[in-house]
Amino acid sequence: MEIEVRGTQIEIEPNSKPYLIKRILADGFDTLTVFLLYLLFTFVILQTPLAAVYHSHYERAAEIAEETASRLGNDAQAIRTELLANGEYLDESFAANLHGYLLKGLAVFLAEVILLLAIPLSGRDRTTLGKKLTGLLPFSETRQAKAKWYQILYRFLFVFLLDSMLLFLLTGTLTFLLVPVLRLTEMLMNRKNKTICDYVTGIMIIERASYDGIN
C-alpha cells in the first residue's frame, strides 16, 4: 500500500505495527483524559448523597485524631501510637477508606465507560481518542479485520479490573502514572509491541493507513 506525504510516495506494509512513540503518545493521551474525567466525576460524586457515609466515617476519624492531638500536644509519635491502639479510630478510618475507594472506583468506571468503551463502540474504527489522533487502529489478528465489539468490551473489562481497580487499591492515584510505564515495559518485551491486554483480547494495534480492508 502506498500513501503520499507532501509529494513523497511512502510504502507501508499491510497491517503494520506503528512506531513505538505513537503507542506511547496514544496510551498517554488516553490515560490523561481518563484521569481528568476521573477527577471531575470524583468531585461531583463527593457532593452527592452517595458520599454521605464516607463523609460520616471520615469526619468521625478526624474528630478522634484532633481530640488525641489536643491532649498529647506536638508529640507526633505518641499521637500515632495512641491512634493505632484506638479501636474506634481504626474502624472509622477503615470504613472511610473503604467507602472512599468505592466512590473513586465509581468515578473511574464512569470515566472509562465513556472514553474506553462508549467512544470506541460508537465509531467505525473502534478507536479511543488517543489512537484516533495518532492514526492507530485496533486489529483482530485471528479474523484479519477491525476489532469486534466484544473485543473492545473485553479490553475495557481488563483495563478496568486490573489496570485500574487492582492497581488503584495498591497504589492509589499513582496508578495513573504507573499504567503507561507498565504498558511501555510490556510492549518492549515482544516484537509486536503488544501489551498483556492486547494478547488477552486478541488485538494488535496497527497503523490505520496500512489497514488492508479485509473483512
Protein backbone atom coordinates (compact mmCIF):
# COMPACT_ATOMS: atom_id res chain seq x y z
CA MET A 1 0.00 0.00 0.00
CA GLU A 2 1.32 3.46 -0.86
CA ILE A 3 0.44 6.79 0.68
CA GLU A 4 1.63 10.23 -0.31
CA VAL A 5 3.21 12.51 2.29
CA ARG A 6 3.99 16.02 1.00
CA GLY A 7 4.59 14.76 -2.50
CA THR A 8 6.65 11.72 -1.46
CA GLN A 9 5.40 8.17 -2.04
CA ILE A 10 5.83 6.01 1.06
CA GLU A 11 5.07 2.30 1.02
CA ILE A 12 3.54 0.82 4.17
CA GLU A 13 3.21 -2.88 4.80
CA PRO A 14 -0.39 -4.11 5.24
CA ASN A 15 -1.47 -4.20 8.88
CA SER A 16 1.89 -2.90 10.08
CA LYS A 17 2.56 -2.07 13.71
CA PRO A 18 3.03 1.64 14.47
CA TYR A 19 6.19 3.32 15.69
CA LEU A 20 6.56 2.82 19.43
CA ILE A 21 6.36 6.56 20.03
CA LYS A 22 2.84 6.55 18.59
CA ARG A 23 1.76 3.85 21.03
CA ILE A 24 3.27 5.84 23.89
CA LEU A 25 1.51 9.04 22.82
CA ALA A 26 -1.83 7.27 22.28
CA ASP A 27 -1.75 5.47 25.63
CA GLY A 28 -0.51 8.59 27.39
CA PHE A 29 -3.29 10.72 25.94
CA ASP A 30 -5.96 8.14 26.82
CA THR A 31 -4.63 7.79 30.38
CA LEU A 32 -4.55 11.57 30.82
CA THR A 33 -8.12 12.02 29.59
CA VAL A 34 -9.32 9.21 31.86
CA PHE A 35 -7.52 10.87 34.79
CA LEU A 36 -9.06 14.29 34.12
CA LEU A 37 -12.54 12.85 33.75
CA TYR A 38 -11.97 10.76 36.89
CA LEU A 39 -11.14 13.94 38.84
CA LEU A 40 -14.31 15.60 37.58
CA PHE A 41 -16.53 12.64 38.45
CA THR A 42 -14.89 12.25 41.87
CA PHE A 43 -15.61 15.90 42.68
CA VAL A 44 -19.24 15.55 41.58
CA ILE A 45 -19.82 12.25 43.39
CA LEU A 46 -18.44 13.61 46.66
CA GLN A 47 -21.11 16.33 46.56
CA THR A 48 -23.95 13.82 46.25
CA PRO A 49 -25.79 11.72 48.87
CA LEU A 50 -23.73 8.74 47.69
CA ALA A 51 -20.83 10.17 49.71
CA ALA A 52 -22.79 10.69 52.96
CA VAL A 53 -21.49 7.51 54.63
CA TYR A 54 -17.94 8.27 53.55
CA HIS A 55 -18.11 11.80 54.98
CA SER A 56 -19.59 10.47 58.24
CA HIS A 57 -16.76 7.99 58.83
CA TYR A 58 -14.07 10.40 57.66
CA GLU A 59 -15.27 13.22 59.93
CA ARG A 60 -15.51 10.92 62.97
CA ALA A 61 -11.97 9.65 62.40
CA ALA A 62 -10.77 13.25 62.06
CA GLU A 63 -12.52 14.19 65.32
CA ILE A 64 -10.79 11.37 67.21
CA ALA A 65 -7.43 12.40 65.74
CA GLU A 66 -7.99 16.03 66.74
CA GLU A 67 -9.03 15.08 70.29
CA THR A 68 -5.92 12.93 70.66
CA ALA A 69 -3.67 15.67 69.31
CA SER A 70 -5.18 18.26 71.68
CA ARG A 71 -4.40 16.03 74.68
CA LEU A 72 -0.90 14.99 73.66
CA GLY A 73 0.29 18.25 72.15
CA ASN A 74 3.01 18.11 69.49
CA ASP A 75 4.30 14.62 70.29
CA ALA A 76 3.69 13.06 66.87
CA GLN A 77 4.98 9.63 67.90
CA ALA A 78 2.71 9.49 70.96
CA ILE A 79 -0.28 10.59 68.88
CA ARG A 80 0.42 7.92 66.29
CA THR A 81 0.87 5.22 68.93
CA GLU A 82 -2.40 6.07 70.68
CA LEU A 83 -4.39 6.27 67.44
CA LEU A 84 -3.08 2.87 66.35
CA ALA A 85 -4.30 1.47 69.66
CA ASN A 86 -7.71 3.16 69.40
CA GLY A 87 -10.21 0.62 68.05
CA GLU A 88 -12.85 3.20 67.17
CA TYR A 89 -10.35 5.29 65.20
CA LEU A 90 -9.13 2.26 63.29
CA ASP A 91 -12.69 1.18 62.48
CA GLU A 92 -13.71 4.64 61.33
CA SER A 93 -10.54 5.05 59.24
CA PHE A 94 -11.04 1.66 57.62
CA ALA A 95 -14.69 2.43 56.81
CA ALA A 96 -13.76 5.84 55.40
CA ASN A 97 -11.00 4.34 53.23
CA LEU A 98 -13.28 1.56 52.00
CA HIS A 99 -16.11 3.90 51.04
CA GLY A 100 -13.64 6.34 49.51
CA TYR A 101 -12.18 3.54 47.37
CA LEU A 102 -15.65 2.50 46.20
CA LEU A 103 -16.62 6.07 45.32
CA LYS A 104 -13.38 6.63 43.42
CA GLY A 105 -13.89 3.26 41.74
CA LEU A 106 -17.28 4.50 40.55
CA ALA A 107 -15.62 7.65 39.18
CA VAL A 108 -13.01 5.56 37.33
CA PHE A 109 -15.74 3.27 35.99
CA LEU A 110 -17.76 6.18 34.59
CA ALA A 111 -14.68 7.80 33.04
CA GLU A 112 -13.53 4.57 31.39
CA VAL A 113 -17.01 3.59 30.21
CA ILE A 114 -17.17 6.85 28.28
CA LEU A 115 -13.59 7.01 26.97
CA LEU A 116 -12.64 3.35 26.58
CA LEU A 117 -15.99 1.73 25.75
CA ALA A 118 -18.69 4.12 24.53
CA ILE A 119 -16.46 6.18 22.22
CA PRO A 120 -14.76 3.16 20.57
CA LEU A 121 -18.06 1.29 20.12
CA SER A 122 -19.72 4.35 18.62
CA GLY A 123 -17.06 4.69 15.91
CA ARG A 124 -16.46 2.53 12.86
CA ASP A 125 -12.75 2.09 13.66
CA ARG A 126 -13.28 1.04 17.32
CA THR A 127 -10.60 3.51 18.40
CA THR A 128 -10.12 5.59 21.52
CA LEU A 129 -9.44 9.31 21.23
CA GLY A 130 -5.70 8.82 21.67
CA LYS A 131 -5.48 6.19 18.94
CA LYS A 132 -7.69 8.23 16.63
CA LEU A 133 -5.42 11.26 16.99
CA THR A 134 -2.28 9.21 16.34
CA GLY A 135 -3.75 7.26 13.42
CA LEU A 136 -3.85 3.84 15.09
CA LEU A 137 -6.38 1.04 14.76
CA PRO A 138 -7.22 -1.99 16.96
CA PHE A 139 -6.97 -5.04 14.68
CA SER A 140 -8.19 -8.60 15.26
CA GLU A 141 -5.32 -10.90 14.31
CA THR A 142 -7.44 -14.05 14.20
CA ARG A 143 -10.15 -12.55 11.99
CA GLN A 144 -7.83 -10.26 10.00
CA ALA A 145 -10.29 -7.41 10.37
CA LYS A 146 -11.02 -4.45 12.59
CA ALA A 147 -11.57 -5.37 16.22
CA LYS A 148 -15.05 -6.66 17.03
CA TRP A 149 -17.32 -5.05 19.61
CA TYR A 150 -16.84 -7.88 22.09
CA GLN A 151 -13.06 -7.50 21.90
CA ILE A 152 -13.44 -3.84 22.81
CA LEU A 153 -15.69 -4.89 25.70
CA TYR A 154 -13.15 -7.47 26.89
CA ARG A 155 -10.44 -4.82 26.59
CA PHE A 156 -12.46 -2.39 28.72
CA LEU A 157 -13.11 -5.03 31.40
CA PHE A 158 -9.40 -5.99 31.52
CA VAL A 159 -8.30 -2.36 31.87
CA PHE A 160 -10.96 -1.51 34.46
CA LEU A 161 -10.49 -4.57 36.68
CA LEU A 162 -6.71 -5.00 36.52
CA ASP A 163 -5.06 -1.80 35.28
CA SER A 164 -7.45 0.41 37.23
CA MET A 165 -9.18 -1.10 40.28
CA LEU A 166 -6.48 -3.57 41.35
CA LEU A 167 -3.60 -1.13 40.90
CA PHE A 168 -5.65 1.69 42.43
CA LEU A 169 -6.21 -0.45 45.53
CA LEU A 170 -2.46 -0.92 45.87
CA THR A 171 -1.07 2.43 44.72
CA GLY A 172 -3.90 4.97 44.76
CA THR A 173 -3.66 7.91 42.37
CA LEU A 174 -0.14 6.82 41.37
CA THR A 175 -1.94 4.26 39.20
CA PHE A 176 -2.34 6.91 36.50
CA LEU A 177 1.46 7.27 36.34
CA LEU A 178 2.25 3.57 36.65
CA VAL A 179 -0.10 2.30 33.92
CA PRO A 180 1.72 3.98 30.97
CA VAL A 181 5.06 2.76 32.36
CA LEU A 182 3.78 -0.80 32.74
CA ARG A 183 2.34 -0.80 29.23
CA LEU A 184 5.60 0.51 27.77
CA THR A 185 7.51 -2.22 29.61
CA GLU A 186 5.14 -4.88 28.25
CA MET A 187 5.46 -3.54 24.69
CA LEU A 188 9.25 -3.59 24.86
CA MET A 189 9.23 -7.28 25.77
CA ASN A 190 7.90 -8.55 22.42
CA ARG A 191 8.46 -7.88 18.72
CA LYS A 192 4.87 -6.85 18.01
CA ASN A 193 4.85 -4.20 20.75
CA LYS A 194 1.77 -5.81 22.30
CA THR A 195 0.65 -5.37 25.89
CA ILE A 196 -0.76 -8.16 28.04
CA CYS A 197 -4.19 -6.67 27.35
CA ASP A 198 -3.54 -6.98 23.60
CA TYR A 199 -2.67 -10.66 23.96
CA VAL A 200 -5.64 -11.46 26.20
CA THR A 201 -8.15 -9.77 23.89
CA GLY A 202 -6.60 -10.98 20.61
CA ILE A 203 -5.93 -7.46 19.40
CA MET A 204 -2.93 -5.91 17.69
CA ILE A 205 -2.59 -2.15 17.33
CA ILE A 206 -1.69 -1.20 13.76
CA GLU A 207 -1.37 1.88 11.58
CA ARG A 208 -4.79 2.87 10.27
CA ALA A 209 -3.16 3.85 6.95
CA SER A 210 -1.85 0.32 6.49
CA TYR A 211 -5.16 -1.46 7.09
CA ASP A 212 -5.78 -3.62 4.05
CA GLY A 213 -9.56 -3.65 4.38
CA ILE A 214 -10.03 -7.41 4.62
CA ASN A 215 -13.44 -8.16 6.18
